[in-house]
């Protein structure tokens, strides 16, 4: 997780930023996550690595903005993809195409963005309205429920397949 979310971002930036600085133009969009906006129990390393991406991006934006380089931290909530197992898009869980079109309209306007208006509202609520202790508590509860559901489904699959493991 650290290699994917931190090391790769640093290495790619190291590769492209010098050339952008020479030309005095360029855009870097680093994909963080709404999970990087606050600690997320049971996804702690993921959450912390995405917080790194956000802070790294915003710091670099300040360092390079006078050189004409745009560096933006993108913090999406859920998007309807196979990976998220959200099959049907909704207002707060857009298709990837809808999300990207919306996000691209924020490039150059904000150094940090949720990229999509409903996500921006959710970001505002979870960072400015609801106390962080409640956000963390609810995140932990949601992730515990998801973990329990996953473990139950796995046990059922193992029972059906006759591969039950006693040491879970």
C-alpha atoms as a PDB file:
ATOM      1  CA  UNK A   1       0.000   0.000   0.000  1.00  0.00           C
ATOM      2  CA  UNK A   2       2.809   2.407   0.838  1.00  0.00           C
ATOM      3  CA  UNK A   3       4.603   1.580  -2.425  1.00  0.00           C
ATOM      4  CA  UNK A   4       1.441   2.141  -4.460  1.00  0.00           C
ATOM      5  CA  UNK A   5       0.149   5.246  -2.690  1.00  0.00           C
ATOM      6  CA  UNK A   6       3.322   7.011  -1.573  1.00  0.00           C
ATOM      7  CA  UNK A   7       6.475   5.763  -3.280  1.00  0.00           C
ATOM      8  CA  UNK A   8       4.925   5.730  -6.757  1.00  0.00           C
ATOM      9  CA  UNK A   9       3.557   9.273  -6.355  1.00  0.00           C
ATOM     10  CA  UNK A  10       6.976  10.550  -5.257  1.00  0.00           C
ATOM     11  CA  UNK A  11       8.814   8.711  -8.040  1.00  0.00           C
ATOM     12  CA  UNK A  12       6.432   9.826 -10.805  1.00  0.00           C
ATOM     13  CA  UNK A  13       6.621  13.399  -9.552  1.00  0.00           C
ATOM     14  CA  UNK A  14      10.408  13.187  -9.542  1.00  0.00           C
ATOM     15  CA  UNK A  15      10.303  12.011 -13.165  1.00  0.00           C
ATOM     16  CA  UNK A  16       7.934  14.621 -14.602  1.00  0.00           C
ATOM     17  CA  UNK A  17       8.393  17.741 -12.479  1.00  0.00           C
ATOM     18  CA  UNK A  18      11.862  18.805 -13.719  1.00  0.00           C
ATOM     19  CA  UNK A  19      10.666  18.868 -17.359  1.00  0.00           C
ATOM     20  CA  UNK A  20       7.538  20.782 -16.377  1.00  0.00           C
ATOM     21  CA  UNK A  21       9.695  23.297 -14.511  1.00  0.00           C
ATOM     22  CA  UNK A  22      11.906  23.743 -17.608  1.00  0.00           C
ATOM     23  CA  UNK A  23       8.816  24.507 -19.728  1.00  0.00           C
ATOM     24  CA  UNK A  24       7.102  26.537 -16.980  1.00  0.00           C
ATOM     25  CA  UNK A  25       3.898  24.610 -17.471  1.00  0.00           C
ATOM     26  CA  UNK A  26       2.286  21.318 -16.613  1.00  0.00           C
ATOM     27  CA  UNK A  27      -0.430  19.656 -14.586  1.00  0.00           C
ATOM     28  CA  UNK A  28      -0.137  16.893 -12.006  1.00  0.00           C
ATOM     29  CA  UNK A  29      -3.334  15.370 -10.646  1.00  0.00           C
ATOM     30  CA  UNK A  30      -2.639  13.173  -7.639  1.00  0.00           C
ATOM     31  CA  UNK A  31      -5.483  10.894  -6.611  1.00  0.00           C
ATOM     32  CA  UNK A  32      -5.863  10.866  -2.868  1.00  0.00           C
ATOM     33  CA  UNK A  33      -9.172   9.800  -1.330  1.00  0.00           C
ATOM     34  CA  UNK A  34     -11.863  11.107   0.970  1.00  0.00           C
ATOM     35  CA  UNK A  35     -10.372   8.525   3.352  1.00  0.00           C
ATOM     36  CA  UNK A  36      -7.296  10.753   3.503  1.00  0.00           C
ATOM     37  CA  UNK A  37      -9.311  13.637   4.953  1.00  0.00           C
ATOM     38  CA  UNK A  38      -9.538  12.020   8.406  1.00  0.00           C
ATOM     39  CA  UNK A  39      -8.369   8.788  10.076  1.00  0.00           C
ATOM     40  CA  UNK A  40     -10.331   5.710   8.978  1.00  0.00           C
ATOM     41  CA  UNK A  41     -10.109   2.797  11.440  1.00  0.00           C
ATOM     42  CA  UNK A  42      -9.545  -0.634   9.860  1.00  0.00           C
ATOM     43  CA  UNK A  43      -8.198   1.175   6.796  1.00  0.00           C
ATOM     44  CA  UNK A  44      -5.505   2.977   8.752  1.00  0.00           C
ATOM     45  CA  UNK A  45      -2.543   2.507   6.399  1.00  0.00           C
ATOM     46  CA  UNK A  46      -4.718   3.305   3.366  1.00  0.00           C
ATOM     47  CA  UNK A  47      -6.115   6.410   5.052  1.00  0.00           C
ATOM     48  CA  UNK A  48      -2.686   7.603   6.187  1.00  0.00           C
ATOM     49  CA  UNK A  49      -1.130   6.987   2.765  1.00  0.00           C
ATOM     50  CA  UNK A  50      -3.902   8.970   1.079  1.00  0.00           C
ATOM     51  CA  UNK A  51      -3.417  11.787   3.609  1.00  0.00           C
ATOM     52  CA  UNK A  52       0.244  11.811   2.529  1.00  0.00           C
ATOM     53  CA  UNK A  53      -0.797  12.196  -1.119  1.00  0.00           C
ATOM     54  CA  UNK A  54      -2.999  15.161  -0.174  1.00  0.00           C
ATOM     55  CA  UNK A  55      -0.364  16.948   1.915  1.00  0.00           C
ATOM     56  CA  UNK A  56       2.414  16.196  -0.580  1.00  0.00           C
ATOM     57  CA  UNK A  57       0.333  17.594  -3.448  1.00  0.00           C
ATOM     58  CA  UNK A  58      -0.730  20.756  -1.643  1.00  0.00           C
ATOM     59  CA  UNK A  59       2.817  21.428  -0.479  1.00  0.00           C
ATOM     60  CA  UNK A  60       4.222  20.987  -3.989  1.00  0.00           C
ATOM     61  CA  UNK A  61       1.486  23.211  -5.432  1.00  0.00           C
ATOM     62  CA  UNK A  62       2.678  26.051  -3.238  1.00  0.00           C
ATOM     63  CA  UNK A  63       6.315  25.382  -4.175  1.00  0.00           C
ATOM     64  CA  UNK A  64       5.678  25.328  -7.952  1.00  0.00           C
ATOM     65  CA  UNK A  65       2.652  27.575  -8.560  1.00  0.00           C
ATOM     66  CA  UNK A  66       4.793  30.591  -9.446  1.00  0.00           C
ATOM     67  CA  UNK A  67       6.423  28.488 -12.162  1.00  0.00           C
ATOM     68  CA  UNK A  68       3.101  27.889 -13.909  1.00  0.00           C
ATOM     69  CA  UNK A  69       2.706  24.292 -12.739  1.00  0.00           C
ATOM     70  CA  UNK A  70      -0.625  23.085 -11.403  1.00  0.00           C
ATOM     71  CA  UNK A  71      -0.534  20.316  -8.818  1.00  0.00           C
ATOM     72  CA  UNK A  72      -3.914  19.207  -7.560  1.00  0.00           C
ATOM     73  CA  UNK A  73      -4.923  16.784  -4.837  1.00  0.00           C
ATOM     74  CA  UNK A  74      -8.105  14.897  -5.741  1.00  0.00           C
ATOM     75  CA  UNK A  75     -10.097  13.390  -2.852  1.00  0.00           C
ATOM     76  CA  UNK A  76     -13.077  11.447  -4.234  1.00  0.00           C
ATOM     77  CA  UNK A  77     -15.657   9.623  -2.195  1.00  0.00           C
ATOM     78  CA  UNK A  78     -17.157   6.491  -3.800  1.00  0.00           C
ATOM     79  CA  UNK A  79     -17.471   6.182  -7.585  1.00  0.00           C
ATOM     80  CA  UNK A  80     -19.539   3.400  -9.210  1.00  0.00           C
ATOM     81  CA  UNK A  81     -16.861   0.968 -10.435  1.00  0.00           C
ATOM     82  CA  UNK A  82     -16.153  -2.756 -10.355  1.00  0.00           C
ATOM     83  CA  UNK A  83     -13.537  -2.159  -7.683  1.00  0.00           C
ATOM     84  CA  UNK A  84     -16.026  -0.506  -5.315  1.00  0.00           C
ATOM     85  CA  UNK A  85     -18.652  -3.097  -6.247  1.00  0.00           C
ATOM     86  CA  UNK A  86     -21.125  -0.293  -6.763  1.00  0.00           C
ATOM     87  CA  UNK A  87     -22.974  -1.399  -9.868  1.00  0.00           C
ATOM     88  CA  UNK A  88     -25.576   1.322 -10.169  1.00  0.00           C
ATOM     89  CA  UNK A  89     -24.531   4.984 -10.182  1.00  0.00           C
ATOM     90  CA  UNK A  90     -26.389   7.386  -7.900  1.00  0.00           C
ATOM     91  CA  UNK A  91     -26.143  11.119  -7.261  1.00  0.00           C
ATOM     92  CA  UNK A  92     -23.424  10.602  -4.645  1.00  0.00           C
ATOM     93  CA  UNK A  93     -21.770   7.634  -6.425  1.00  0.00           C
ATOM     94  CA  UNK A  94     -21.303   8.779 -10.027  1.00  0.00           C
ATOM     95  CA  UNK A  95     -19.999   6.860 -13.017  1.00  0.00           C
ATOM     96  CA  UNK A  96     -16.261   7.246 -13.606  1.00  0.00           C
ATOM     97  CA  UNK A  97     -16.995   9.315 -16.733  1.00  0.00           C
ATOM     98  CA  UNK A  98     -19.240  11.732 -14.859  1.00  0.00           C
ATOM     99  CA  UNK A  99     -16.760  12.025 -12.003  1.00  0.00           C
ATOM    100  CA  UNK A 100     -13.787  12.687 -14.304  1.00  0.00           C
ATOM    101  CA  UNK A 101     -15.669  15.298 -16.348  1.00  0.00           C
ATOM    102  CA  UNK A 102     -16.579  17.113 -13.149  1.00  0.00           C
ATOM    103  CA  UNK A 103     -13.105  16.797 -11.628  1.00  0.00           C
ATOM    104  CA  UNK A 104     -11.364  18.132 -14.729  1.00  0.00           C
ATOM    105  CA  UNK A 105     -13.467  21.293 -14.522  1.00  0.00           C
ATOM    106  CA  UNK A 106     -11.736  22.078 -11.193  1.00  0.00           C
ATOM    107  CA  UNK A 107      -8.157  21.891 -12.540  1.00  0.00           C
ATOM    108  CA  UNK A 108      -6.429  25.215 -12.016  1.00  0.00           C
ATOM    109  CA  UNK A 109      -9.153  26.474  -9.697  1.00  0.00           C
ATOM    110  CA  UNK A 110      -8.355  24.531  -6.535  1.00  0.00           C
ATOM    111  CA  UNK A 111      -5.223  22.852  -5.203  1.00  0.00           C
ATOM    112  CA  UNK A 112      -7.426  20.396  -3.314  1.00  0.00           C
ATOM    113  CA  UNK A 113     -10.764  19.119  -4.580  1.00  0.00           C
ATOM    114  CA  UNK A 114     -13.328  16.419  -4.038  1.00  0.00           C
ATOM    115  CA  UNK A 115     -13.865  16.802  -7.777  1.00  0.00           C
ATOM    116  CA  UNK A 116     -17.631  16.428  -7.843  1.00  0.00           C
ATOM    117  CA  UNK A 117     -20.215  18.687  -6.209  1.00  0.00           C
ATOM    118  CA  UNK A 118     -22.010  16.021  -4.122  1.00  0.00           C
ATOM    119  CA  UNK A 119     -18.594  14.801  -2.924  1.00  0.00           C
ATOM    120  CA  UNK A 120     -17.631  18.382  -2.032  1.00  0.00           C
ATOM    121  CA  UNK A 121     -20.777  18.652   0.094  1.00  0.00           C
ATOM    122  CA  UNK A 122     -19.951  15.338   1.774  1.00  0.00           C
ATOM    123  CA  UNK A 123     -16.378  16.539   2.361  1.00  0.00           C
ATOM    124  CA  UNK A 124     -17.594  19.783   3.879  1.00  0.00           C
ATOM    125  CA  UNK A 125     -20.014  17.968   6.188  1.00  0.00           C
ATOM    126  CA  UNK A 126     -17.446  15.403   7.340  1.00  0.00           C
ATOM    127  CA  UNK A 127     -14.660  17.944   7.960  1.00  0.00           C
ATOM    128  CA  UNK A 128     -16.483  21.120   9.009  1.00  0.00           C
ATOM    129  CA  UNK A 129     -19.893  20.189  10.425  1.00  0.00           C
ATOM    130  CA  UNK A 130     -19.690  16.785  12.109  1.00  0.00           C
ATOM    131  CA  UNK A 131     -17.115  16.490  14.931  1.00  0.00           C
ATOM    132  CA  UNK A 132     -14.105  14.396  13.901  1.00  0.00           C
ATOM    133  CA  UNK A 133     -14.669  11.962  16.780  1.00  0.00           C
ATOM    134  CA  UNK A 134     -18.092  11.093  15.348  1.00  0.00           C
ATOM    135  CA  UNK A 135     -16.721  10.758  11.801  1.00  0.00           C
ATOM    136  CA  UNK A 136     -14.026   8.370  13.081  1.00  0.00           C
ATOM    137  CA  UNK A 137     -16.542   6.404  15.180  1.00  0.00           C
ATOM    138  CA  UNK A 138     -18.955   6.022  12.249  1.00  0.00           C
ATOM    139  CA  UNK A 139     -16.120   5.050   9.897  1.00  0.00           C
ATOM    140  CA  UNK A 140     -14.973   2.382  12.356  1.00  0.00           C
ATOM    141  CA  UNK A 141     -18.506   1.076  12.744  1.00  0.00           C
ATOM    142  CA  UNK A 142     -19.103   0.924   8.996  1.00  0.00           C
ATOM    143  CA  UNK A 143     -15.795  -0.851   8.394  1.00  0.00           C
ATOM    144  CA  UNK A 144     -16.414  -3.352  11.204  1.00  0.00           C
ATOM    145  CA  UNK A 145     -19.806  -4.187   9.705  1.00  0.00           C
ATOM    146  CA  UNK A 146     -18.257  -4.618   6.254  1.00  0.00           C
ATOM    147  CA  UNK A 147     -15.511  -6.815   7.695  1.00  0.00           C
ATOM    148  CA  UNK A 148     -18.031  -8.970   9.577  1.00  0.00           C
ATOM    149  CA  UNK A 149     -20.124  -9.359   6.426  1.00  0.00           C
ATOM    150  CA  UNK A 150     -17.061 -10.331   4.421  1.00  0.00           C
ATOM    151  CA  UNK A 151     -15.946 -12.899   7.009  1.00  0.00           C
ATOM    152  CA  UNK A 152     -19.459 -14.383   7.172  1.00  0.00           C
ATOM    153  CA  UNK A 153     -19.631 -14.694   3.375  1.00  0.00           C
ATOM    154  CA  UNK A 154     -16.186 -16.272   3.333  1.00  0.00           C
ATOM    155  CA  UNK A 155     -17.174 -18.823   5.998  1.00  0.00           C
ATOM    156  CA  UNK A 156     -20.300 -19.731   4.044  1.00  0.00           C
ATOM    157  CA  UNK A 157     -18.247 -20.196   0.878  1.00  0.00           C
ATOM    158  CA  UNK A 158     -15.764 -22.372   2.747  1.00  0.00           C
ATOM    159  CA  UNK A 159     -18.543 -24.479   4.242  1.00  0.00           C
ATOM    160  CA  UNK A 160     -20.074 -24.974   0.799  1.00  0.00           C
ATOM    161  CA  UNK A 161     -16.694 -25.901  -0.650  1.00  0.00           C
ATOM    162  CA  UNK A 162     -15.639 -28.016   2.340  1.00  0.00           C
ATOM    163  CA  UNK A 163     -12.549 -25.862   2.953  1.00  0.00           C
ATOM    164  CA  UNK A 164     -13.432 -24.410   6.361  1.00  0.00           C
ATOM    165  CA  UNK A 165     -10.499 -22.931   8.297  1.00  0.00           C
ATOM    166  CA  UNK A 166     -10.688 -23.043  12.073  1.00  0.00           C
ATOM    167  CA  UNK A 167      -8.161 -20.265  12.825  1.00  0.00           C
ATOM    168  CA  UNK A 168      -9.817 -17.106  11.464  1.00  0.00           C
END
